[in-house]
Protein backbone atom coordinates (compact mmCIF):
# COMPACT_ATOMS: atom_id res chain seq x y z
CA MET A 1 209.94 53.47 59.53
CA THR A 2 206.33 54.08 60.81
CA SER A 3 205.67 56.95 63.20
CA ALA A 4 204.25 56.19 66.66
CA ARG A 5 201.07 57.96 65.65
CA LYS A 6 200.46 55.86 62.79
CA ASN A 7 201.14 52.77 65.01
CA ASP A 8 198.52 53.84 67.43
CA ALA A 9 196.13 54.59 64.62
CA ASN A 10 196.85 50.98 63.10
CA ARG A 11 196.14 49.29 66.81
CA ALA A 12 193.03 51.20 66.99
CA ASN A 13 191.61 50.23 63.78
CA ALA A 14 192.60 46.52 64.37
CA ARG A 15 190.53 46.62 67.73
CA PHE A 16 187.58 47.03 65.32
CA SER A 17 188.09 44.63 62.72
CA THR A 18 188.25 41.42 64.48
CA GLY A 19 185.68 39.46 62.93
CA PRO A 20 181.87 39.07 63.58
CA LYS A 21 180.61 40.50 66.72
CA THR A 22 176.87 38.85 66.83
CA PRO A 23 176.35 35.27 67.91
CA HIS A 24 174.64 34.75 64.39
CA GLY A 25 177.81 36.32 62.67
CA ARG A 26 180.21 34.11 64.77
CA ALA A 27 178.14 30.89 64.05
CA ARG A 28 177.93 31.89 60.39
CA ALA A 29 181.72 32.41 60.25
CA SER A 30 182.55 29.11 62.15
CA ARG A 31 180.81 27.03 59.38
CA ASN A 32 182.86 28.60 56.53
CA ALA A 33 185.17 25.59 56.29
CA PHE A 34 182.27 23.00 56.15
CA ARG A 35 180.44 24.16 53.10
CA HIS A 36 181.92 21.49 51.00
CA GLY A 37 184.46 19.72 53.01
CA LEU A 38 187.35 20.04 50.47
CA SER A 39 189.68 21.80 53.40
CA LEU A 40 189.16 18.47 55.24
CA ALA A 41 192.44 16.61 55.28
CA ILE A 42 192.15 13.17 53.71
CA ASP A 43 193.54 11.35 56.91
CA CYS A 44 190.30 12.69 58.94
CA ASP A 45 188.06 10.33 56.78
CA PRO A 46 188.86 6.71 57.29
CA LEU A 47 187.25 5.76 53.70
CA LEU A 48 189.26 8.36 51.87
CA SER A 49 192.33 7.20 53.83
CA GLU A 50 191.80 3.45 52.67
CA GLU A 51 191.19 4.70 49.05
CA VAL A 52 194.46 6.58 49.11
CA ASP A 53 196.28 3.33 50.66
CA ALA A 54 194.58 1.35 48.06
CA LEU A 55 195.91 3.63 45.06
CA ALA A 56 199.41 4.16 46.68
CA GLY A 57 199.58 0.52 46.77
CA LYS A 58 198.92 0.24 42.99
CA ILE A 59 201.29 3.19 42.20
CA VAL A 60 204.05 1.52 44.22
CA GLY A 61 203.61 -2.18 43.26
CA ASP A 62 206.19 -4.53 44.85
CA ASN A 63 208.38 -1.70 45.88
CA VAL A 64 208.90 -1.71 49.67
CA ASN A 65 210.92 1.26 50.27
CA PRO A 66 209.49 3.62 52.83
CA GLN A 67 210.21 6.80 51.19
CA VAL A 68 209.02 5.56 47.88
CA VAL A 69 205.69 4.39 49.65
CA LYS A 70 205.38 7.81 51.35
CA LEU A 71 205.62 9.86 48.01
CA ALA A 72 203.20 7.35 46.37
CA ARG A 73 200.85 8.26 49.04
CA HIS A 74 201.24 11.99 48.53
CA VAL A 75 200.57 11.39 44.63
CA ALA A 76 197.47 9.37 45.60
CA GLU A 77 196.32 11.90 48.14
CA ALA A 78 196.31 14.46 45.33
CA GLU A 79 194.56 12.24 42.81
CA ILE A 80 191.86 11.49 45.42
CA ASP A 81 191.44 15.14 46.18
CA LEU A 82 190.87 15.88 42.24
CA SER A 83 188.31 13.03 41.92
CA ARG A 84 186.35 14.59 44.98
CA ILE A 85 186.64 18.18 43.53
CA ARG A 86 185.33 16.85 40.16
CA ALA A 87 182.75 14.83 41.68
CA LEU A 88 181.41 17.80 43.66
CA ARG A 89 181.50 20.10 40.55
CA HIS A 90 179.51 17.73 38.86
CA GLN A 91 176.98 17.10 41.73
CA ILE A 92 176.40 20.94 41.92
CA VAL A 93 175.62 21.43 38.12
CA ASN A 94 173.53 18.12 37.90
CA THR A 95 171.40 18.74 40.82
CA ALA A 96 170.43 21.97 39.43
CA LEU A 97 169.87 20.41 35.97
CA CYS A 98 167.75 17.79 37.32
CA ASP A 99 165.52 20.35 39.22
CA ALA A 100 162.66 20.92 36.65
CA THR A 101 161.62 24.14 38.37
CA TYR A 102 165.18 25.91 38.64
CA GLU A 103 165.14 29.51 38.30
CA SER A 104 167.63 32.05 38.99
CA GLU A 105 167.25 34.68 41.62
CA THR A 106 166.80 37.33 39.04
CA ARG A 107 164.08 35.74 37.31
CA SER A 108 162.23 34.71 40.77
CA ARG A 109 162.53 38.52 41.68
CA GLU A 110 161.09 39.47 38.17
CA LYS A 111 158.09 37.22 38.86
CA PHE A 112 157.42 38.50 42.21
CA ALA A 113 157.50 41.88 40.95
CA LEU A 114 155.17 41.17 38.16
CA VAL A 115 152.76 39.70 40.74
CA ARG A 116 152.96 42.76 42.81
CA ARG A 117 152.35 45.14 39.69
CA CYS A 118 149.55 43.20 38.66
CA ALA A 119 147.69 43.17 42.06
CA ARG A 120 148.44 46.90 42.39
CA VAL A 121 147.24 47.92 39.16
CA ASP A 122 144.13 45.36 38.85
CA GLY A 123 143.43 44.80 42.47
CA PRO A 124 144.65 41.52 44.62
CA PHE A 125 141.53 39.61 43.56
CA THR A 126 141.30 40.14 39.97
CA PRO A 127 142.45 36.91 37.80
CA MET A 128 145.76 37.68 36.21
CA PRO A 129 146.03 37.64 32.36
CA ASP A 130 146.93 34.37 30.71
CA GLU A 131 150.51 35.56 29.46
CA VAL A 132 151.43 36.64 33.04
CA VAL A 133 150.35 33.19 34.27
CA ASP A 134 152.48 31.49 31.30
CA PHE A 135 155.16 33.75 32.33
CA LEU A 136 154.70 32.70 36.31
CA TYR A 137 154.82 29.02 35.39
CA SER A 138 157.55 28.99 32.68
CA TYR A 139 160.98 27.70 33.55
CA PRO A 140 164.11 27.70 31.53
CA LEU A 141 165.00 24.71 29.37
CA GLY A 142 167.81 23.35 27.40
CA PRO A 143 170.99 25.51 26.82
CA SER A 144 169.66 28.71 28.43
CA LYS A 145 168.81 26.45 31.57
CA LEU A 146 172.49 25.29 31.65
CA ALA A 147 173.54 28.84 30.86
CA ILE A 148 171.71 30.31 33.85
CA ILE A 149 172.89 27.40 36.14
CA ILE A 150 176.58 28.19 35.37
CA SER A 151 176.03 32.08 35.73
CA ASP A 152 174.23 31.22 39.14
CA LYS A 153 177.02 28.71 40.38
CA ALA A 154 179.92 30.81 39.14
CA GLN A 155 181.14 31.50 42.57
CA GLN A 156 180.89 27.89 43.90
CA LEU A 157 182.46 26.70 40.61
CA ARG A 158 185.32 29.18 40.80
CA THR A 159 186.23 28.08 44.42
CA LEU A 160 186.24 24.40 43.14
CA ASP A 161 188.58 25.44 40.42
CA ARG A 162 191.00 27.10 42.99
CA TYR A 163 190.70 23.84 44.97
CA GLU A 164 191.54 21.85 41.72
CA ARG A 165 194.42 24.05 40.58
CA ARG A 166 196.10 23.41 43.80
CA ALA A 167 195.50 19.57 43.71
CA LEU A 168 196.83 19.65 40.30
CA SER A 169 199.68 21.43 41.55
CA ARG A 170 200.30 19.07 44.32
CA ARG A 171 200.04 15.88 42.24
CA LYS A 172 202.68 17.49 39.69
CA PHE A 173 205.28 17.94 42.32
CA ALA A 174 204.18 14.60 44.13
CA ILE A 175 204.75 12.88 40.74
CA GLN A 176 208.08 14.59 40.25
CA ALA A 177 209.49 13.85 43.48
CA TYR A 178 208.24 10.25 43.23
CA ASP A 179 210.01 9.96 39.80
CA GLU A 180 213.17 11.28 41.34
CA GLU A 181 213.26 8.77 44.33
CA LEU A 182 212.82 6.01 41.85
CA ARG A 183 215.63 7.26 39.52
CA GLN A 184 217.90 7.50 42.80
CA SER A 185 216.97 4.05 44.32
């Protein structure tokens, strides 16, 4: 059992941790769920809802049992979610790969620091050495570019992995429930 003093301290601390205070912070926090749209229910999007109905119809076939149709719809929703997640992952990586001038934040900071260093040492109006100019206009290519992209996008990809694991789990349990209903009917 906690003491009254500790309860008072917890309440006082809770008053300070109620989220962002500034208008900018509140606006940013209000957009957290809209980054990729994966937290949006499928029923909210008419196009996705039509896809789910079509897929559920293919799963059910001629069976008109309302419980079977409902369970088939759960399977279809999870499958559509999986395809959305995988398409978004592909889009994130492909967009970065197609950008010929893609660069990591670290490399951009290195280039900026080099320009500042050259301007400080040689003066702001002195031409830069050729090797510095070559470095400034160089961009990663091939496997190194892919490695940099994966490294830079790791947080986004990790988030998508979490969504994918949940969708896979939902699909697995929906399929089990669907199969069980078919066995019973």
